[in-house]
Amino acid sequence: MREDLKIRLEQFKERHSADAAVQGRIAKPPVEFIGREIFELAVAALLQGENLLLCGGKATGKNILADNLAWLFARPIYNVSFHVNTDSSTLIGTDTFVDGEVRLRHGPIAQAALYGGFCILDEINMAKNDAVAVMHSVLDYRRLIDVPGYECIPMHPATRFIATMNYGYAGTRELNEALVSRFTVIRMPTLREDQLHQLLKADVPGASEANIDRCIGLFMDLNEKAVNGEVSTHPVDMRGMIAALRMMTDGMGPKDAITINITNKCFDEYEYQLVQDVVMTRFG
């Protein structure tokens, strides 16, 4: 990382030390993010007080980058995974009865605001309208949460939001202009073969070079077919590839490991046969 960014980062951490109550939420990620240029862009934006929207295809390292940024800035991390039932109360909090009175039990957005946390908004393009509306005053110049019937919660100066989104998943939608304008957007590039090798080696240190190379080749083949529309993105699954590699390292046959972690994720019979054919070219 550039020297000027390192200096500013240290100054940031000196100004904003994490509260002892949330130290347990500061955890080193098991995998380092690979990609210096993207990493420096993200760090520079966060130091300027911006919130990030990381967008791109599968297996581009969006969540790994978010986790590494929170660790680098020494901030407690709060995760929100958007789905059809995520609403404003899920994010801000719900009423709870304590000591004979109704109190607000803070949700992840409110906790991040109070403690200066990094809140990761996973799959933000699956959010419903009322959940997205909550984010507007949080992400713009106001930097506050006005909870009806309760207090107005101002944002801690160290609070940042890092949203992630994939393209073309079922249940996703276009983000509205008002929401996108509140983020600095970073497009995540597809990992190169050397980066994939580094990632798999770090995740499964006991794996053989031969199996790593075969997994990388298979991943690249499947990704190319997905880009060309020949298969869906189901088999382009880095988590599945890592799981398969771990099972190979524990003694499972390579074809069996790939079958249960990659091929069997294709529920359409035609796609299943097509992926199986691709697998056989690498693990036949």
C-alpha atoms as a PDB file:
ATOM      1  CA  MET A   1       0.000   0.000   0.000  1.00  0.00           C
ATOM      2  CA  ARG A   2       1.164   3.550  -0.735  1.00  0.00           C
ATOM      3  CA  GLU A   3       3.061   5.284   2.058  1.00  0.00           C
ATOM      4  CA  ASP A   4       0.693   8.276   2.195  1.00  0.00           C
ATOM      5  CA  LEU A   5      -2.276   5.948   2.680  1.00  0.00           C
ATOM      6  CA  LYS A   6      -0.458   4.121   5.481  1.00  0.00           C
ATOM      7  CA  ILE A   7       0.184   7.408   7.305  1.00  0.00           C
ATOM      8  CA  ARG A   8      -3.421   8.571   6.960  1.00  0.00           C
ATOM      9  CA  LEU A   9      -4.689   5.161   8.040  1.00  0.00           C
ATOM     10  CA  GLU A  10      -2.636   5.268  11.232  1.00  0.00           C
ATOM     11  CA  GLN A  11      -3.929   8.763  11.937  1.00  0.00           C
ATOM     12  CA  PHE A  12      -7.497   7.502  11.435  1.00  0.00           C
ATOM     13  CA  LYS A  13      -6.982   4.646  13.906  1.00  0.00           C
ATOM     14  CA  GLU A  14      -5.428   7.001  16.471  1.00  0.00           C
ATOM     15  CA  ARG A  15      -8.456   9.309  16.266  1.00  0.00           C
ATOM     16  CA  HIS A  16     -11.014   6.509  16.371  1.00  0.00           C
ATOM     17  CA  SER A  17     -10.093   3.704  18.733  1.00  0.00           C
ATOM     18  CA  ALA A  18     -12.771   1.042  19.007  1.00  0.00           C
ATOM     19  CA  ASP A  19     -14.878   0.793  22.148  1.00  0.00           C
ATOM     20  CA  ALA A  20     -13.953  -2.099  24.445  1.00  0.00           C
ATOM     21  CA  ALA A  21     -17.536  -3.403  24.243  1.00  0.00           C
ATOM     22  CA  VAL A  22     -17.126  -4.233  20.535  1.00  0.00           C
ATOM     23  CA  GLN A  23     -13.541  -5.476  20.422  1.00  0.00           C
ATOM     24  CA  GLY A  24     -14.856  -8.983  19.844  1.00  0.00           C
ATOM     25  CA  ARG A  25     -16.249  -7.859  16.485  1.00  0.00           C
ATOM     26  CA  ILE A  26     -12.778  -6.970  15.194  1.00  0.00           C
ATOM     27  CA  ALA A  27     -11.459 -10.160  13.650  1.00  0.00           C
ATOM     28  CA  LYS A  28      -8.694 -10.904  11.176  1.00  0.00           C
ATOM     29  CA  PRO A  29     -10.096 -12.425   7.969  1.00  0.00           C
ATOM     30  CA  PRO A  30      -8.923 -15.970   7.181  1.00  0.00           C
ATOM     31  CA  VAL A  31      -7.971 -14.909   3.627  1.00  0.00           C
ATOM     32  CA  GLU A  32      -6.168 -11.785   2.426  1.00  0.00           C
ATOM     33  CA  PHE A  33      -7.610  -9.816  -0.466  1.00  0.00           C
ATOM     34  CA  ILE A  34      -5.615 -10.140  -3.689  1.00  0.00           C
ATOM     35  CA  GLY A  35      -5.437  -7.011  -5.837  1.00  0.00           C
ATOM     36  CA  ARG A  36      -3.371  -4.004  -4.755  1.00  0.00           C
ATOM     37  CA  GLU A  37      -4.924  -1.400  -7.061  1.00  0.00           C
ATOM     38  CA  ILE A  38      -8.505  -2.132  -6.007  1.00  0.00           C
ATOM     39  CA  PHE A  39      -7.449  -2.296  -2.360  1.00  0.00           C
ATOM     40  CA  GLU A  40      -5.794   1.127  -2.488  1.00  0.00           C
ATOM     41  CA  LEU A  41      -8.816   2.657  -4.226  1.00  0.00           C
ATOM     42  CA  ALA A  42     -11.087   1.326  -1.477  1.00  0.00           C
ATOM     43  CA  VAL A  43      -8.830   2.514   1.352  1.00  0.00           C
ATOM     44  CA  ALA A  44      -8.520   6.004  -0.151  1.00  0.00           C
ATOM     45  CA  ALA A  45     -12.310   6.318  -0.541  1.00  0.00           C
ATOM     46  CA  LEU A  46     -12.984   5.183   3.038  1.00  0.00           C
ATOM     47  CA  LEU A  47     -10.404   7.625   4.418  1.00  0.00           C
ATOM     48  CA  GLN A  48     -12.297  10.394   2.621  1.00  0.00           C
ATOM     49  CA  GLY A  49     -15.470   9.386   4.456  1.00  0.00           C
ATOM     50  CA  GLU A  50     -17.106   7.698   1.477  1.00  0.00           C
ATOM     51  CA  ASN A  51     -19.216   4.542   1.548  1.00  0.00           C
ATOM     52  CA  LEU A  52     -18.466   1.791  -0.950  1.00  0.00           C
ATOM     53  CA  LEU A  53     -20.545  -0.229  -3.384  1.00  0.00           C
ATOM     54  CA  LEU A  54     -18.598  -3.258  -4.621  1.00  0.00           C
ATOM     55  CA  CYS A  55     -20.169  -4.715  -7.724  1.00  0.00           C
ATOM     56  CA  GLY A  56     -19.156  -7.550 -10.013  1.00  0.00           C
ATOM     57  CA  GLY A  57     -19.656 -11.188 -10.853  1.00  0.00           C
ATOM     58  CA  LYS A  58     -19.256 -14.230  -8.641  1.00  0.00           C
ATOM     59  CA  ALA A  59     -15.877 -15.060  -7.097  1.00  0.00           C
ATOM     60  CA  THR A  60     -14.423 -11.569  -7.490  1.00  0.00           C
ATOM     61  CA  GLY A  61     -13.662 -11.188  -3.783  1.00  0.00           C
ATOM     62  CA  LYS A  62     -16.247  -8.580  -2.752  1.00  0.00           C
ATOM     63  CA  ASN A  63     -16.854  -9.917   0.752  1.00  0.00           C
ATOM     64  CA  ILE A  64     -13.193 -10.767   1.249  1.00  0.00           C
ATOM     65  CA  LEU A  65     -12.307  -7.162   0.404  1.00  0.00           C
ATOM     66  CA  ALA A  66     -14.944  -5.815   2.802  1.00  0.00           C
ATOM     67  CA  ASP A  67     -13.696  -8.014   5.661  1.00  0.00           C
ATOM     68  CA  ASN A  68     -10.079  -7.036   5.003  1.00  0.00           C
ATOM     69  CA  LEU A  69     -10.940  -3.334   4.993  1.00  0.00           C
ATOM     70  CA  ALA A  70     -12.709  -3.586   8.354  1.00  0.00           C
ATOM     71  CA  TRP A  71      -9.672  -5.378   9.804  1.00  0.00           C
ATOM     72  CA  LEU A  72      -7.233  -2.872   8.313  1.00  0.00           C
ATOM     73  CA  PHE A  73      -9.172   0.061   9.825  1.00  0.00           C
ATOM     74  CA  ALA A  74      -9.548  -1.842  13.145  1.00  0.00           C
ATOM     75  CA  ARG A  75     -13.318  -1.370  13.146  1.00  0.00           C
ATOM     76  CA  PRO A  76     -16.040  -3.663  14.518  1.00  0.00           C
ATOM     77  CA  ILE A  77     -17.909  -5.360  11.696  1.00  0.00           C
ATOM     78  CA  TYR A  78     -21.681  -5.712  11.312  1.00  0.00           C
ATOM     79  CA  ASN A  79     -23.244  -7.824   8.573  1.00  0.00           C
ATOM     80  CA  VAL A  80     -26.608  -7.431   6.861  1.00  0.00           C
ATOM     81  CA  SER A  81     -27.674 -10.020   4.278  1.00  0.00           C
ATOM     82  CA  PHE A  82     -30.610  -8.615   2.351  1.00  0.00           C
ATOM     83  CA  HIS A  83     -33.497 -10.923   1.481  1.00  0.00           C
ATOM     84  CA  VAL A  84     -37.229 -10.678   0.877  1.00  0.00           C
ATOM     85  CA  ASN A  85     -38.025 -10.322   4.597  1.00  0.00           C
ATOM     86  CA  THR A  86     -35.411  -7.662   5.392  1.00  0.00           C
ATOM     87  CA  ASP A  87     -37.220  -4.470   6.405  1.00  0.00           C
ATOM     88  CA  SER A  88     -36.476  -1.239   8.248  1.00  0.00           C
ATOM     89  CA  SER A  89     -36.921  -2.820  11.699  1.00  0.00           C
ATOM     90  CA  THR A  90     -34.391  -5.532  10.811  1.00  0.00           C
ATOM     91  CA  LEU A  91     -31.828  -2.819  10.090  1.00  0.00           C
ATOM     92  CA  ILE A  92     -32.548  -0.222  12.769  1.00  0.00           C
ATOM     93  CA  GLY A  93     -34.061  -2.263  15.572  1.00  0.00           C
ATOM     94  CA  THR A  94     -37.261  -3.504  17.152  1.00  0.00           C
ATOM     95  CA  ASP A  95     -39.239  -2.786  20.306  1.00  0.00           C
ATOM     96  CA  THR A  96     -38.381  -4.928  23.288  1.00  0.00           C
ATOM     97  CA  PHE A  97     -39.702  -4.956  26.882  1.00  0.00           C
ATOM     98  CA  VAL A  98     -36.973  -4.378  29.514  1.00  0.00           C
ATOM     99  CA  ASP A  99     -37.438  -3.528  33.211  1.00  0.00           C
ATOM    100  CA  GLY A 100     -41.080  -2.652  32.744  1.00  0.00           C
ATOM    101  CA  GLU A 101     -40.635  -0.331  29.779  1.00  0.00           C
ATOM    102  CA  VAL A 102     -40.432  -0.523  26.009  1.00  0.00           C
ATOM    103  CA  ARG A 103     -36.945   0.039  24.623  1.00  0.00           C
ATOM    104  CA  LEU A 104     -35.336  -0.097  21.222  1.00  0.00           C
ATOM    105  CA  ARG A 105     -33.199  -3.164  20.627  1.00  0.00           C
ATOM    106  CA  HIS A 106     -30.656  -1.837  18.168  1.00  0.00           C
ATOM    107  CA  GLY A 107     -30.213  -3.561  14.814  1.00  0.00           C
ATOM    108  CA  PRO A 108     -26.940  -3.749  12.869  1.00  0.00           C
ATOM    109  CA  ILE A 109     -27.286  -0.311  11.223  1.00  0.00           C
ATOM    110  CA  ALA A 110     -27.909   1.386  14.568  1.00  0.00           C
ATOM    111  CA  GLN A 111     -25.072  -0.517  16.253  1.00  0.00           C
ATOM    112  CA  ALA A 112     -22.656   0.440  13.496  1.00  0.00           C
ATOM    113  CA  ALA A 113     -23.760   4.058  13.915  1.00  0.00           C
ATOM    114  CA  LEU A 114     -23.228   4.001  17.677  1.00  0.00           C
ATOM    115  CA  TYR A 115     -19.866   2.221  17.762  1.00  0.00           C
ATOM    116  CA  GLY A 116     -18.227   3.433  14.547  1.00  0.00           C
ATOM    117  CA  GLY A 117     -18.498   0.063  12.894  1.00  0.00           C
ATOM    118  CA  PHE A 118     -18.088  -1.015   9.301  1.00  0.00           C
ATOM    119  CA  CYS A 119     -21.478  -2.335   8.196  1.00  0.00           C
ATOM    120  CA  ILE A 120     -21.407  -4.748   5.256  1.00  0.00           C
ATOM    121  CA  LEU A 121     -24.630  -4.676   3.244  1.00  0.00           C
ATOM    122  CA  ASP A 122     -24.528  -7.959   1.372  1.00  0.00           C
ATOM    123  CA  GLU A 123     -26.567  -8.295  -1.854  1.00  0.00           C
ATOM    124  CA  ILE A 124     -28.004  -4.792  -1.503  1.00  0.00           C
ATOM    125  CA  ASN A 125     -29.797  -5.139  -4.844  1.00  0.00           C
ATOM    126  CA  MET A 126     -32.124  -7.661  -3.177  1.00  0.00           C
ATOM    127  CA  ALA A 127     -33.349  -5.033  -0.689  1.00  0.00           C
ATOM    128  CA  LYS A 128     -37.008  -4.021  -0.535  1.00  0.00           C
ATOM    129  CA  ASN A 129     -38.028  -0.370  -0.927  1.00  0.00           C
ATOM    130  CA  ASP A 130     -38.626   0.349   2.769  1.00  0.00           C
ATOM    131  CA  ALA A 131     -35.265  -1.157   3.694  1.00  0.00           C
ATOM    132  CA  VAL A 132     -33.519   0.964   1.057  1.00  0.00           C
ATOM    133  CA  ALA A 133     -35.346   4.113   2.223  1.00  0.00           C
ATOM    134  CA  VAL A 134     -33.812   3.693   5.686  1.00  0.00           C
ATOM    135  CA  MET A 135     -30.367   4.005   4.140  1.00  0.00           C
ATOM    136  CA  HIS A 136     -30.866   7.423   2.517  1.00  0.00           C
ATOM    137  CA  SER A 137     -30.357   9.651   5.574  1.00  0.00           C
ATOM    138  CA  VAL A 138     -27.676   7.299   6.874  1.00  0.00           C
ATOM    139  CA  LEU A 139     -25.568   7.533   3.728  1.00  0.00           C
ATOM    140  CA  ASP A 140     -25.865  11.214   2.823  1.00  0.00           C
ATOM    141  CA  TYR A 141     -24.583  14.386   4.470  1.00  0.00           C
ATOM    142  CA  ARG A 142     -27.071  14.069   7.379  1.00  0.00           C
ATOM    143  CA  ARG A 143     -25.423  10.880   8.699  1.00  0.00           C
ATOM    144  CA  LEU A 144     -28.144  10.129  11.214  1.00  0.00           C
ATOM    145  CA  ILE A 145     -30.975   7.719  11.974  1.00  0.00           C
ATOM    146  CA  ASP A 146     -34.230   9.328  13.066  1.00  0.00           C
ATOM    147  CA  VAL A 147     -36.189   6.561  14.803  1.00  0.00           C
ATOM    148  CA  PRO A 148     -39.881   7.503  15.270  1.00  0.00           C
ATOM    149  CA  GLY A 149     -40.763   7.440  18.946  1.00  0.00           C
ATOM    150  CA  TYR A 150     -37.133   7.127  19.992  1.00  0.00           C
ATOM    151  CA  GLU A 151     -33.966   9.160  19.880  1.00  0.00           C
ATOM    152  CA  CYS A 152     -32.187  10.454  16.808  1.00  0.00           C
ATOM    153  CA  ILE A 153     -28.998   8.414  16.398  1.00  0.00           C
ATOM    154  CA  PRO A 154     -26.078  10.344  14.870  1.00  0.00           C
ATOM    155  CA  MET A 155     -23.391   8.478  12.963  1.00  0.00           C
ATOM    156  CA  HIS A 156     -20.064   7.903  14.676  1.00  0.00           C
ATOM    157  CA  PRO A 157     -17.380   9.617  12.534  1.00  0.00           C
ATOM    158  CA  ALA A 158     -15.700   6.263  11.874  1.00  0.00           C
ATOM    159  CA  THR A 159     -18.870   4.525  10.649  1.00  0.00           C
ATOM    160  CA  ARG A 160     -18.712   3.303   7.043  1.00  0.00           C
ATOM    161  CA  PHE A 161     -21.026   1.203   4.901  1.00  0.00           C
ATOM    162  CA  ILE A 162     -19.743  -1.292   2.338  1.00  0.00           C
ATOM    163  CA  ALA A 163     -22.423  -2.714   0.066  1.00  0.00           C
ATOM    164  CA  THR A 164     -21.956  -5.654  -2.293  1.00  0.00           C
ATOM    165  CA  MET A 165     -23.999  -6.772  -5.274  1.00  0.00           C
ATOM    166  CA  ASN A 166     -23.877  -9.480  -7.931  1.00  0.00           C
ATOM    167  CA  TYR A 167     -25.375  -9.197 -11.378  1.00  0.00           C
ATOM    168  CA  GLY A 168     -28.277 -11.316 -12.579  1.00  0.00           C
ATOM    169  CA  TYR A 169     -29.139 -13.272  -9.418  1.00  0.00           C
ATOM    170  CA  ALA A 170     -32.764 -14.323  -8.950  1.00  0.00           C
ATOM    171  CA  GLY A 171     -34.603 -11.768  -6.805  1.00  0.00           C
ATOM    172  CA  THR A 172     -32.253  -8.886  -7.586  1.00  0.00           C
ATOM    173  CA  ARG A 173     -33.359  -5.518  -8.933  1.00  0.00           C
ATOM    174  CA  GLU A 174     -31.852  -2.339 -10.316  1.00  0.00           C
ATOM    175  CA  LEU A 175     -30.720   0.044  -7.575  1.00  0.00           C
ATOM    176  CA  ASN A 176     -32.467   3.394  -7.667  1.00  0.00           C
ATOM    177  CA  GLU A 177     -30.483   6.479  -8.607  1.00  0.00           C
ATOM    178  CA  ALA A 178     -30.832   8.110  -5.183  1.00  0.00           C
ATOM    179  CA  LEU A 179     -29.206   5.138  -3.471  1.00  0.00           C
ATOM    180  CA  VAL A 180     -26.387   4.670  -5.985  1.00  0.00           C
ATOM    181  CA  SER A 181     -25.494   8.368  -5.769  1.00  0.00           C
ATOM    182  CA  ARG A 182     -24.694   7.902  -2.075  1.00  0.00           C
ATOM    183  CA  PHE A 183     -21.941   5.356  -2.779  1.00  0.00           C
ATOM    184  CA  THR A 184     -18.519   5.350  -4.349  1.00  0.00           C
ATOM    185  CA  VAL A 185     -18.718   2.431  -6.780  1.00  0.00           C
ATOM    186  CA  ILE A 186     -15.864  -0.011  -7.395  1.00  0.00           C
ATOM    187  CA  ARG A 187     -16.241  -2.586 -10.155  1.00  0.00           C
ATOM    188  CA  MET A 188     -14.502  -5.782  -9.110  1.00  0.00           C
ATOM    189  CA  PRO A 189     -12.479  -7.395 -11.906  1.00  0.00           C
ATOM    190  CA  THR A 190     -12.484 -11.134 -12.546  1.00  0.00           C
ATOM    191  CA  LEU A 191      -9.579 -12.837 -10.821  1.00  0.00           C
ATOM    192  CA  ARG A 192      -6.640 -13.853 -12.998  1.00  0.00           C
ATOM    193  CA  GLU A 193      -5.175 -17.365 -12.928  1.00  0.00           C
ATOM    194  CA  ASP A 194      -2.206 -16.319 -10.779  1.00  0.00           C
ATOM    195  CA  GLN A 195      -4.561 -14.625  -8.289  1.00  0.00           C
ATOM    196  CA  LEU A 196      -6.766 -17.719  -8.168  1.00  0.00           C
ATOM    197  CA  HIS A 197      -3.690 -19.840  -7.476  1.00  0.00           C
ATOM    198  CA  GLN A 198      -2.665 -17.539  -4.633  1.00  0.00           C
ATOM    199  CA  LEU A 199      -6.194 -17.604  -3.203  1.00  0.00           C
ATOM    200  CA  LEU A 200      -6.579 -21.385  -3.308  1.00  0.00           C
ATOM    201  CA  LYS A 201      -3.084 -21.946  -1.909  1.00  0.00           C
ATOM    202  CA  ALA A 202      -3.831 -19.625   1.014  1.00  0.00           C
ATOM    203  CA  ASP A 203      -7.230 -21.215   1.689  1.00  0.00           C
ATOM    204  CA  VAL A 204      -6.092 -24.831   1.357  1.00  0.00           C
ATOM    205  CA  PRO A 205      -2.357 -24.831   2.152  1.00  0.00           C
ATOM    206  CA  GLY A 206      -2.134 -28.640   2.101  1.00  0.00           C
ATOM    207  CA  ALA A 207      -3.447 -28.986  -1.455  1.00  0.00           C
ATOM    208  CA  SER A 208      -1.176 -30.325  -4.177  1.00  0.00           C
ATOM    209  CA  GLU A 209      -0.106 -28.064  -7.030  1.00  0.00           C
ATOM    210  CA  ALA A 210      -1.664 -30.486  -9.527  1.00  0.00           C
ATOM    211  CA  ASN A 211      -5.095 -30.329  -7.910  1.00  0.00           C
ATOM    212  CA  ILE A 212      -4.911 -26.551  -7.538  1.00  0.00           C
ATOM    213  CA  ASP A 213      -4.071 -26.159 -11.223  1.00  0.00           C
ATOM    214  CA  ARG A 214      -6.911 -28.491 -12.252  1.00  0.00           C
ATOM    215  CA  CYS A 215      -9.399 -26.601 -10.092  1.00  0.00           C
ATOM    216  CA  ILE A 216      -8.275 -23.279 -11.543  1.00  0.00           C
ATOM    217  CA  GLY A 217      -8.605 -24.632 -15.082  1.00  0.00           C
ATOM    218  CA  LEU A 218     -12.088 -25.941 -14.351  1.00  0.00           C
ATOM    219  CA  PHE A 219     -13.164 -22.666 -12.766  1.00  0.00           C
ATOM    220  CA  MET A 220     -11.930 -20.676 -15.770  1.00  0.00           C
ATOM    221  CA  ASP A 221     -13.675 -23.070 -18.191  1.00  0.00           C
ATOM    222  CA  LEU A 222     -16.994 -22.829 -16.340  1.00  0.00           C
ATOM    223  CA  ASN A 223     -16.737 -19.066 -15.978  1.00  0.00           C
ATOM    224  CA  GLU A 224     -16.166 -18.702 -19.729  1.00  0.00           C
ATOM    225  CA  LYS A 225     -19.235 -20.826 -20.460  1.00  0.00           C
ATOM    226  CA  ALA A 226     -21.301 -18.766 -18.019  1.00  0.00           C
ATOM    227  CA  VAL A 227     -20.163 -15.522 -19.673  1.00  0.00           C
ATOM    228  CA  ASN A 228     -21.141 -16.953 -23.060  1.00  0.00           C
ATOM    229  CA  GLY A 229     -24.558 -18.008 -21.756  1.00  0.00           C
ATOM    230  CA  GLU A 230     -23.941 -21.741 -22.177  1.00  0.00           C
ATOM    231  CA  VAL A 231     -24.466 -22.490 -18.468  1.00  0.00           C
ATOM    232  CA  SER A 232     -25.836 -20.578 -15.482  1.00  0.00           C
ATOM    233  CA  THR A 233     -23.630 -19.141 -12.746  1.00  0.00           C
ATOM    234  CA  HIS A 234     -24.514 -21.997 -10.349  1.00  0.00           C
ATOM    235  CA  PRO A 235     -21.381 -24.061 -11.089  1.00  0.00           C
ATOM    236  CA  VAL A 236     -19.126 -20.971 -11.105  1.00  0.00           C
ATOM    237  CA  ASP A 237     -18.747 -21.326  -7.373  1.00  0.00           C
ATOM    238  CA  MET A 238     -15.440 -20.466  -5.703  1.00  0.00           C
ATOM    239  CA  ARG A 239     -16.719 -21.571  -2.292  1.00  0.00           C
ATOM    240  CA  GLY A 240     -17.590 -24.934  -3.803  1.00  0.00           C
ATOM    241  CA  MET A 241     -14.182 -25.158  -5.464  1.00  0.00           C
ATOM    242  CA  ILE A 242     -12.427 -24.474  -2.162  1.00  0.00           C
ATOM    243  CA  ALA A 243     -14.590 -27.099  -0.409  1.00  0.00           C
ATOM    244  CA  ALA A 244     -13.790 -29.632  -3.151  1.00  0.00           C
ATOM    245  CA  LEU A 245     -10.074 -28.913  -2.849  1.00  0.00           C
ATOM    246  CA  ARG A 246     -10.211 -29.418   0.916  1.00  0.00           C
ATOM    247  CA  MET A 247     -11.936 -32.762   0.461  1.00  0.00           C
ATOM    248  CA  MET A 248      -9.299 -33.839  -2.074  1.00  0.00           C
ATOM    249  CA  THR A 249      -6.641 -32.940   0.496  1.00  0.00           C
ATOM    250  CA  ASP A 250      -8.443 -35.119   3.062  1.00  0.00           C
ATOM    251  CA  GLY A 251      -8.325 -38.094   0.703  1.00  0.00           C
ATOM    252  CA  MET A 252     -11.568 -37.925  -1.285  1.00  0.00           C
ATOM    253  CA  GLY A 253     -11.237 -38.715  -4.979  1.00  0.00           C
ATOM    254  CA  PRO A 254     -11.017 -35.532  -7.110  1.00  0.00           C
ATOM    255  CA  LYS A 255     -13.983 -36.428  -9.333  1.00  0.00           C
ATOM    256  CA  ASP A 256     -16.195 -37.184  -6.317  1.00  0.00           C
ATOM    257  CA  ALA A 257     -15.162 -33.946  -4.587  1.00  0.00           C
ATOM    258  CA  ILE A 258     -15.951 -31.884  -7.676  1.00  0.00           C
ATOM    259  CA  THR A 259     -19.242 -33.715  -8.252  1.00  0.00           C
ATOM    260  CA  ILE A 260     -20.735 -32.999  -4.833  1.00  0.00           C
ATOM    261  CA  ASN A 261     -19.432 -29.424  -4.614  1.00  0.00           C
ATOM    262  CA  ILE A 262     -19.779 -28.206  -8.211  1.00  0.00           C
ATOM    263  CA  THR A 263     -21.596 -30.501 -10.665  1.00  0.00           C
ATOM    264  CA  ASN A 264     -24.506 -31.399  -8.373  1.00  0.00           C
ATOM    265  CA  LYS A 265     -25.365 -27.716  -7.979  1.00  0.00           C
ATOM    266  CA  CYS A 266     -26.799 -27.841 -11.499  1.00  0.00           C
ATOM    267  CA  PHE A 267     -30.414 -28.985 -11.146  1.00  0.00           C
ATOM    268  CA  ASP A 268     -31.264 -28.683 -14.817  1.00  0.00           C
ATOM    269  CA  GLU A 269     -30.444 -32.027 -16.440  1.00  0.00           C
ATOM    270  CA  TYR A 270     -29.063 -30.508 -19.655  1.00  0.00           C
ATOM    271  CA  GLU A 271     -26.797 -28.135 -17.722  1.00  0.00           C
ATOM    272  CA  TYR A 272     -25.745 -30.973 -15.396  1.00  0.00           C
ATOM    273  CA  GLN A 273     -24.556 -33.061 -18.353  1.00  0.00           C
ATOM    274  CA  LEU A 274     -22.771 -30.094 -19.899  1.00  0.00           C
ATOM    275  CA  VAL A 275     -20.905 -29.264 -16.700  1.00  0.00           C
ATOM    276  CA  GLN A 276     -20.074 -32.944 -16.187  1.00  0.00           C
ATOM    277  CA  ASP A 277     -18.499 -33.009 -19.651  1.00  0.00           C
ATOM    278  CA  VAL A 278     -16.377 -29.961 -18.776  1.00  0.00           C
ATOM    279  CA  VAL A 279     -15.340 -31.584 -15.503  1.00  0.00           C
ATOM    280  CA  MET A 280     -14.229 -34.724 -17.316  1.00  0.00           C
ATOM    281  CA  THR A 281     -11.810 -32.716 -19.476  1.00  0.00           C
ATOM    282  CA  ARG A 282      -9.970 -31.689 -16.300  1.00  0.00           C
ATOM    283  CA  PHE A 283     -10.610 -34.605 -13.960  1.00  0.00           C
ATOM    284  CA  GLY A 284     -11.245 -37.469 -16.361  1.00  0.00           C
END
